[in-house]
C-alpha atoms as a PDB file:
ATOM      1  CA  UNK A   1       0.666  21.526  20.216  1.00  0.00           C
ATOM      2  CA  UNK A   2      -1.881  18.710  19.772  1.00  0.00           C
ATOM      3  CA  UNK A   3      -2.598  19.737  16.168  1.00  0.00           C
ATOM      4  CA  UNK A   4       1.119  19.563  15.427  1.00  0.00           C
ATOM      5  CA  UNK A   5       1.311  16.004  16.817  1.00  0.00           C
ATOM      6  CA  UNK A   6      -1.604  14.809  14.700  1.00  0.00           C
ATOM      7  CA  UNK A   7      -0.267  16.486  11.573  1.00  0.00           C
ATOM      8  CA  UNK A   8       3.138  14.865  11.995  1.00  0.00           C
ATOM      9  CA  UNK A   9       1.656  11.461  12.872  1.00  0.00           C
ATOM     10  CA  UNK A  10      -0.304  11.489   9.627  1.00  0.00           C
ATOM     11  CA  UNK A  11       2.761  12.392   7.620  1.00  0.00           C
ATOM     12  CA  UNK A  12       4.711   9.464   9.094  1.00  0.00           C
ATOM     13  CA  UNK A  13       2.044   6.824   8.549  1.00  0.00           C
ATOM     14  CA  UNK A  14       2.888   4.048   6.122  1.00  0.00           C
ATOM     15  CA  UNK A  15       0.274   2.690   3.728  1.00  0.00           C
ATOM     16  CA  UNK A  16      -0.029   0.141   0.983  1.00  0.00           C
ATOM     17  CA  UNK A  17      -1.591   1.744  -2.074  1.00  0.00           C
ATOM     18  CA  UNK A  18      -3.239  -0.641  -4.522  1.00  0.00           C
ATOM     19  CA  UNK A  19      -3.617   0.735  -8.026  1.00  0.00           C
ATOM     20  CA  UNK A  20      -6.564  -0.969  -9.689  1.00  0.00           C
ATOM     21  CA  UNK A  21      -9.180  -0.450 -12.364  1.00  0.00           C
ATOM     22  CA  UNK A  22     -12.713  -1.665 -13.076  1.00  0.00           C
ATOM     23  CA  UNK A  23     -12.826  -5.110 -14.650  1.00  0.00           C
ATOM     24  CA  UNK A  24      -9.334  -6.128 -13.464  1.00  0.00           C
ATOM     25  CA  UNK A  25      -9.570  -9.900 -12.948  1.00  0.00           C
ATOM     26  CA  UNK A  26      -6.364 -10.054 -10.893  1.00  0.00           C
ATOM     27  CA  UNK A  27      -7.621  -7.205  -8.685  1.00  0.00           C
ATOM     28  CA  UNK A  28     -10.791  -9.202  -8.037  1.00  0.00           C
ATOM     29  CA  UNK A  29      -8.734 -12.278  -7.224  1.00  0.00           C
ATOM     30  CA  UNK A  30      -6.722 -10.229  -4.702  1.00  0.00           C
ATOM     31  CA  UNK A  31      -9.990  -9.007  -3.160  1.00  0.00           C
ATOM     32  CA  UNK A  32     -11.194 -12.597  -2.763  1.00  0.00           C
ATOM     33  CA  UNK A  33      -7.952 -14.126  -1.498  1.00  0.00           C
ATOM     34  CA  UNK A  34      -6.314 -11.386   0.575  1.00  0.00           C
ATOM     35  CA  UNK A  35      -8.170  -8.095   1.037  1.00  0.00           C
ATOM     36  CA  UNK A  36     -10.708  -9.195   3.634  1.00  0.00           C
ATOM     37  CA  UNK A  37      -8.050 -10.360   6.098  1.00  0.00           C
ATOM     38  CA  UNK A  38      -5.393  -7.807   5.217  1.00  0.00           C
ATOM     39  CA  UNK A  39      -6.357  -5.241   7.852  1.00  0.00           C
ATOM     40  CA  UNK A  40      -5.995  -7.878  10.594  1.00  0.00           C
ATOM     41  CA  UNK A  41      -2.493  -8.908   9.506  1.00  0.00           C
ATOM     42  CA  UNK A  42       0.718  -7.489  10.960  1.00  0.00           C
ATOM     43  CA  UNK A  43       1.470  -5.889   7.578  1.00  0.00           C
ATOM     44  CA  UNK A  44      -2.040  -4.432   7.431  1.00  0.00           C
ATOM     45  CA  UNK A  45      -1.619  -2.821  10.837  1.00  0.00           C
ATOM     46  CA  UNK A  46       1.740  -1.329   9.809  1.00  0.00           C
ATOM     47  CA  UNK A  47       0.577  -0.206   6.354  1.00  0.00           C
ATOM     48  CA  UNK A  48      -3.209  -0.010   5.879  1.00  0.00           C
ATOM     49  CA  UNK A  49      -4.526  -0.672   2.375  1.00  0.00           C
ATOM     50  CA  UNK A  50      -5.781   2.201   0.235  1.00  0.00           C
ATOM     51  CA  UNK A  51      -7.108   1.746  -3.293  1.00  0.00           C
ATOM     52  CA  UNK A  52      -6.479   4.223  -6.104  1.00  0.00           C
ATOM     53  CA  UNK A  53      -7.825   3.911  -9.639  1.00  0.00           C
ATOM     54  CA  UNK A  54      -4.863   3.663 -12.031  1.00  0.00           C
ATOM     55  CA  UNK A  55      -6.307   6.579 -14.008  1.00  0.00           C
ATOM     56  CA  UNK A  56      -6.036   8.762 -10.873  1.00  0.00           C
ATOM     57  CA  UNK A  57      -2.422   8.011  -9.985  1.00  0.00           C
ATOM     58  CA  UNK A  58      -1.352  11.623 -10.488  1.00  0.00           C
ATOM     59  CA  UNK A  59      -3.530  12.555  -7.512  1.00  0.00           C
ATOM     60  CA  UNK A  60      -2.486   9.664  -5.234  1.00  0.00           C
ATOM     61  CA  UNK A  61      -0.918  12.102  -2.754  1.00  0.00           C
ATOM     62  CA  UNK A  62       2.700  10.989  -3.018  1.00  0.00           C
ATOM     63  CA  UNK A  63       5.511  10.867  -5.554  1.00  0.00           C
ATOM     64  CA  UNK A  64       5.751   7.640  -7.529  1.00  0.00           C
ATOM     65  CA  UNK A  65       9.211   6.352  -8.464  1.00  0.00           C
ATOM     66  CA  UNK A  66       7.751   5.531 -11.881  1.00  0.00           C
ATOM     67  CA  UNK A  67       4.385   5.531 -13.620  1.00  0.00           C
ATOM     68  CA  UNK A  68       2.065   2.588 -12.790  1.00  0.00           C
ATOM     69  CA  UNK A  69       1.113   0.664 -15.942  1.00  0.00           C
ATOM     70  CA  UNK A  70      -0.241  -2.684 -14.672  1.00  0.00           C
ATOM     71  CA  UNK A  71      -3.106  -3.496 -12.318  1.00  0.00           C
ATOM     72  CA  UNK A  72      -2.937  -4.422  -9.647  1.00  0.00           C
ATOM     73  CA  UNK A  73       0.241  -2.702  -8.562  1.00  0.00           C
ATOM     74  CA  UNK A  74       0.858  -2.370  -4.831  1.00  0.00           C
ATOM     75  CA  UNK A  75       3.043   0.554  -3.759  1.00  0.00           C
ATOM     76  CA  UNK A  76       4.322   0.723  -0.196  1.00  0.00           C
ATOM     77  CA  UNK A  77       4.474   4.356   0.900  1.00  0.00           C
ATOM     78  CA  UNK A  78       6.104   5.807   4.010  1.00  0.00           C
ATOM     79  CA  UNK A  79       6.414   9.516   4.752  1.00  0.00           C
ATOM     80  CA  UNK A  80       4.701  10.175   1.407  1.00  0.00           C
ATOM     81  CA  UNK A  81       7.562   8.447  -0.444  1.00  0.00           C
ATOM     82  CA  UNK A  82       7.547   5.178  -2.346  1.00  0.00           C
ATOM     83  CA  UNK A  83       9.437   2.493  -0.448  1.00  0.00           C
ATOM     84  CA  UNK A  84       8.882  -0.256  -3.005  1.00  0.00           C
ATOM     85  CA  UNK A  85       6.253  -1.973  -5.120  1.00  0.00           C
ATOM     86  CA  UNK A  86       4.775  -5.277  -6.185  1.00  0.00           C
ATOM     87  CA  UNK A  87       3.627  -5.317  -9.788  1.00  0.00           C
ATOM     88  CA  UNK A  88       0.855  -7.756 -10.545  1.00  0.00           C
ATOM     89  CA  UNK A  89      -0.781 -10.399  -8.391  1.00  0.00           C
ATOM     90  CA  UNK A  90       0.212 -14.008  -9.135  1.00  0.00           C
ATOM     91  CA  UNK A  91      -1.373 -15.350  -5.939  1.00  0.00           C
ATOM     92  CA  UNK A  92      -1.603 -14.933  -2.196  1.00  0.00           C
ATOM     93  CA  UNK A  93       1.563 -16.867  -1.305  1.00  0.00           C
ATOM     94  CA  UNK A  94       3.689 -14.633  -3.547  1.00  0.00           C
ATOM     95  CA  UNK A  95       1.889 -11.522  -2.261  1.00  0.00           C
ATOM     96  CA  UNK A  96       2.486 -12.236   1.440  1.00  0.00           C
ATOM     97  CA  UNK A  97       6.108 -13.281   0.924  1.00  0.00           C
ATOM     98  CA  UNK A  98       6.980 -10.214  -1.137  1.00  0.00           C
ATOM     99  CA  UNK A  99       5.001  -7.868   1.116  1.00  0.00           C
ATOM    100  CA  UNK A 100       6.919  -9.101   4.177  1.00  0.00           C
ATOM    101  CA  UNK A 101      10.144  -8.179   2.390  1.00  0.00           C
ATOM    102  CA  UNK A 102       8.779  -4.721   1.508  1.00  0.00           C
ATOM    103  CA  UNK A 103       7.453  -3.936   4.987  1.00  0.00           C
ATOM    104  CA  UNK A 104      10.859  -4.902   6.365  1.00  0.00           C
ATOM    105  CA  UNK A 105      12.120  -1.707   4.705  1.00  0.00           C
ATOM    106  CA  UNK A 106       9.844   0.476   6.831  1.00  0.00           C
ATOM    107  CA  UNK A 107      11.394   2.446   9.654  1.00  0.00           C
ATOM    108  CA  UNK A 108      11.250   0.797  13.049  1.00  0.00           C
ATOM    109  CA  UNK A 109       9.210   3.688  14.471  1.00  0.00           C
ATOM    110  CA  UNK A 110       5.719   2.512  15.486  1.00  0.00           C
ATOM    111  CA  UNK A 111       2.595   3.910  13.835  1.00  0.00           C
ATOM    112  CA  UNK A 112       0.768   6.549  15.848  1.00  0.00           C
ATOM    113  CA  UNK A 113      -2.932   5.876  15.181  1.00  0.00           C
END
């Protein structure tokens, strides 16, 4: 019974997947301006950040609505399905505003960490 609970909790967990690549200036800017504090934010607690190299997107572990072509691209995933995405990073104010809109699409069910 316990194994079943953990397996289902993992399947329900939301995450924010950041597709990046080495040398991406905008990815580095995101790291400097947002990444350090992300895990402490409300959005970070609801959807922890996971990084995936853009060249490895076929093995990201979920179905993309469409191929990622620009880095960084942030894909919000819930139940292994894409909920929405932010393409590019024009700055932290845009990021937080748009991310709040995306995380509003998540189910109301709390995460089970």
